[in-house]
Amino acid sequence: MSSVRRCSRTACGRPAVATLTYVYADSTAVLGPLATYAEPHCYDLCAEHAERLTAPRGWEVVRLAGDTGPLRRSSDDLEALANAVREAARPQHATPRQTRSPEPGPTEAGRRAHLRVLRSPEN
């Protein structure tokens, strides 16, 4: 399965570079940079379709500034991810004051490794 999102237009297989969202209440089509996640009510468009986009009569098109080139990950992103994984994998050394694990607080539901589940304050 490819991690590159494709244009939503029929028969177009080019990589998506922009996301189109409709605001029906305002009769507005908003075209912005490619969204981080694919949303069910948004459309991903390639550079050509994003450039040629028109809206229905009476609608306004709002184009948000953004890079229209293909999405690229920088080495900084990969380095930050690698550092976070290394930090999470480091063994935790107990200090003299921390000889036993603390009791869960009133909002802490459970603990597993370095992750824990917190109850909602409303509950």
Protein backbone atom coordinates (compact mmCIF):
# COMPACT_ATOMS: atom_id res chain seq x y z
CA MET A 1 0.00 0.00 0.00
CA SER A 2 1.40 3.39 -1.02
CA SER A 3 1.80 6.13 1.59
CA VAL A 4 1.42 8.84 -1.08
CA ARG A 5 -2.09 10.23 -1.26
CA ARG A 6 -3.51 10.54 -4.76
CA CYS A 7 -5.72 13.15 -6.40
CA SER A 8 -9.43 12.61 -5.69
CA ARG A 9 -10.46 13.47 -9.25
CA THR A 10 -11.70 10.53 -11.30
CA ALA A 11 -9.02 8.86 -13.45
CA CYS A 12 -6.24 11.07 -12.05
CA GLY A 13 -3.44 9.17 -10.36
CA ARG A 14 -1.07 12.06 -9.70
CA PRO A 15 0.13 12.77 -6.12
CA ALA A 16 -2.06 15.15 -4.12
CA VAL A 17 -0.58 18.50 -3.08
CA ALA A 18 -3.66 20.40 -1.85
CA THR A 19 -6.87 19.74 0.08
CA LEU A 20 -10.26 21.13 -0.92
CA THR A 21 -12.98 21.67 1.67
CA TYR A 22 -16.46 23.06 1.11
CA VAL A 23 -18.11 25.39 3.64
CA TYR A 24 -21.72 25.05 2.57
CA ALA A 25 -23.10 27.58 5.05
CA ASP A 26 -20.90 30.31 3.52
CA SER A 27 -21.00 29.06 -0.09
CA THR A 28 -17.21 28.88 -0.01
CA ALA A 29 -14.68 26.40 -1.35
CA VAL A 30 -11.40 26.48 0.61
CA LEU A 31 -8.26 25.20 -1.11
CA GLY A 32 -5.22 24.88 1.11
CA PRO A 33 -2.05 22.87 1.59
CA LEU A 34 -2.39 19.10 1.78
CA ALA A 35 -4.02 18.17 5.08
CA THR A 36 -2.04 16.02 7.48
CA TYR A 37 -4.72 13.31 7.45
CA ALA A 38 -7.25 12.31 4.80
CA GLU A 39 -10.66 13.47 5.99
CA PRO A 40 -13.90 11.91 4.70
CA HIS A 41 -15.48 15.22 3.59
CA CYS A 42 -12.38 16.75 2.00
CA TYR A 43 -10.86 16.21 -1.41
CA ASP A 44 -7.15 15.90 -2.15
CA LEU A 45 -6.08 17.46 -5.44
CA CYS A 46 -2.94 17.30 -7.58
CA ALA A 47 -1.19 20.54 -8.62
CA GLU A 48 -2.96 20.68 -12.00
CA HIS A 49 -6.48 20.20 -10.62
CA ALA A 50 -5.83 22.58 -7.71
CA GLU A 51 -4.69 25.27 -10.14
CA ARG A 52 -7.73 24.83 -12.44
CA LEU A 53 -10.30 24.65 -9.61
CA THR A 54 -13.49 26.62 -10.13
CA ALA A 55 -16.51 26.84 -7.83
CA PRO A 56 -20.22 26.87 -8.67
CA ARG A 57 -21.79 30.20 -9.64
CA GLY A 58 -22.32 32.36 -6.54
CA TRP A 59 -19.62 30.55 -4.56
CA GLU A 60 -16.32 32.02 -3.48
CA VAL A 61 -12.98 30.21 -3.74
CA VAL A 62 -10.51 30.90 -0.93
CA ARG A 63 -6.96 29.82 -1.73
CA LEU A 64 -4.73 29.53 1.31
CA ALA A 65 -1.04 30.07 0.67
CA GLY A 66 1.03 26.96 0.82
CA ASP A 67 3.64 24.95 -0.95
CA THR A 68 2.14 23.34 -4.05
CA GLY A 69 5.05 20.94 -4.53
CA PRO A 70 5.00 17.32 -3.44
CA LEU A 71 5.13 16.75 0.30
CA ARG A 72 8.65 15.85 1.40
CA ARG A 73 9.88 14.79 4.81
CA SER A 74 13.00 16.50 6.05
CA SER A 75 15.86 14.77 7.78
CA ASP A 76 14.98 16.80 10.90
CA ASP A 77 11.63 14.97 11.13
CA LEU A 78 13.32 11.58 10.92
CA GLU A 79 15.99 12.54 13.43
CA ALA A 80 13.38 13.81 15.91
CA LEU A 81 11.41 10.58 15.54
CA ALA A 82 14.54 8.46 16.06
CA ASN A 83 15.47 10.45 19.17
CA ALA A 84 11.96 10.04 20.62
CA VAL A 85 12.08 6.27 20.07
CA ARG A 86 15.53 6.03 21.68
CA GLU A 87 14.38 8.06 24.70
CA ALA A 88 11.29 5.87 25.17
CA ALA A 89 13.38 2.69 24.94
CA ARG A 90 15.91 3.74 27.60
CA PRO A 91 15.59 1.75 30.83
CA GLN A 92 14.39 3.79 33.76
CA HIS A 93 16.85 3.62 36.66
CA ALA A 94 15.25 3.80 40.08
CA THR A 95 16.63 6.48 42.35
CA PRO A 96 16.81 5.84 46.14
CA ARG A 97 13.53 7.74 46.62
CA GLN A 98 11.78 5.74 43.89
CA THR A 99 12.29 2.20 45.11
CA ARG A 100 8.67 1.27 44.50
CA SER A 101 6.22 2.43 41.93
CA PRO A 102 3.90 5.26 43.05
CA GLU A 103 0.25 4.52 43.58
CA PRO A 104 -2.02 5.69 40.77
CA GLY A 105 -3.50 9.13 41.34
CA PRO A 106 -7.24 9.83 41.34
CA THR A 107 -7.30 10.44 37.57
CA GLU A 108 -4.86 7.72 36.51
CA ALA A 109 -6.70 4.60 35.31
CA GLY A 110 -3.77 2.35 34.54
CA ARG A 111 -0.15 2.25 33.52
CA ARG A 112 1.68 0.20 30.96
CA ALA A 113 5.36 0.83 30.20
CA HIS A 114 5.76 4.54 29.55
CA LEU A 115 2.15 5.06 28.44
CA ARG A 116 -0.80 5.56 30.73
CA VAL A 117 -4.51 6.05 30.39
CA LEU A 118 -6.06 9.05 32.13
CA ARG A 119 -9.69 9.31 33.09
CA SER A 120 -11.60 12.38 32.02
CA PRO A 121 -11.88 15.01 34.83
CA GLU A 122 -15.66 15.06 34.29
CA ASN A 123 -15.97 11.40 35.35
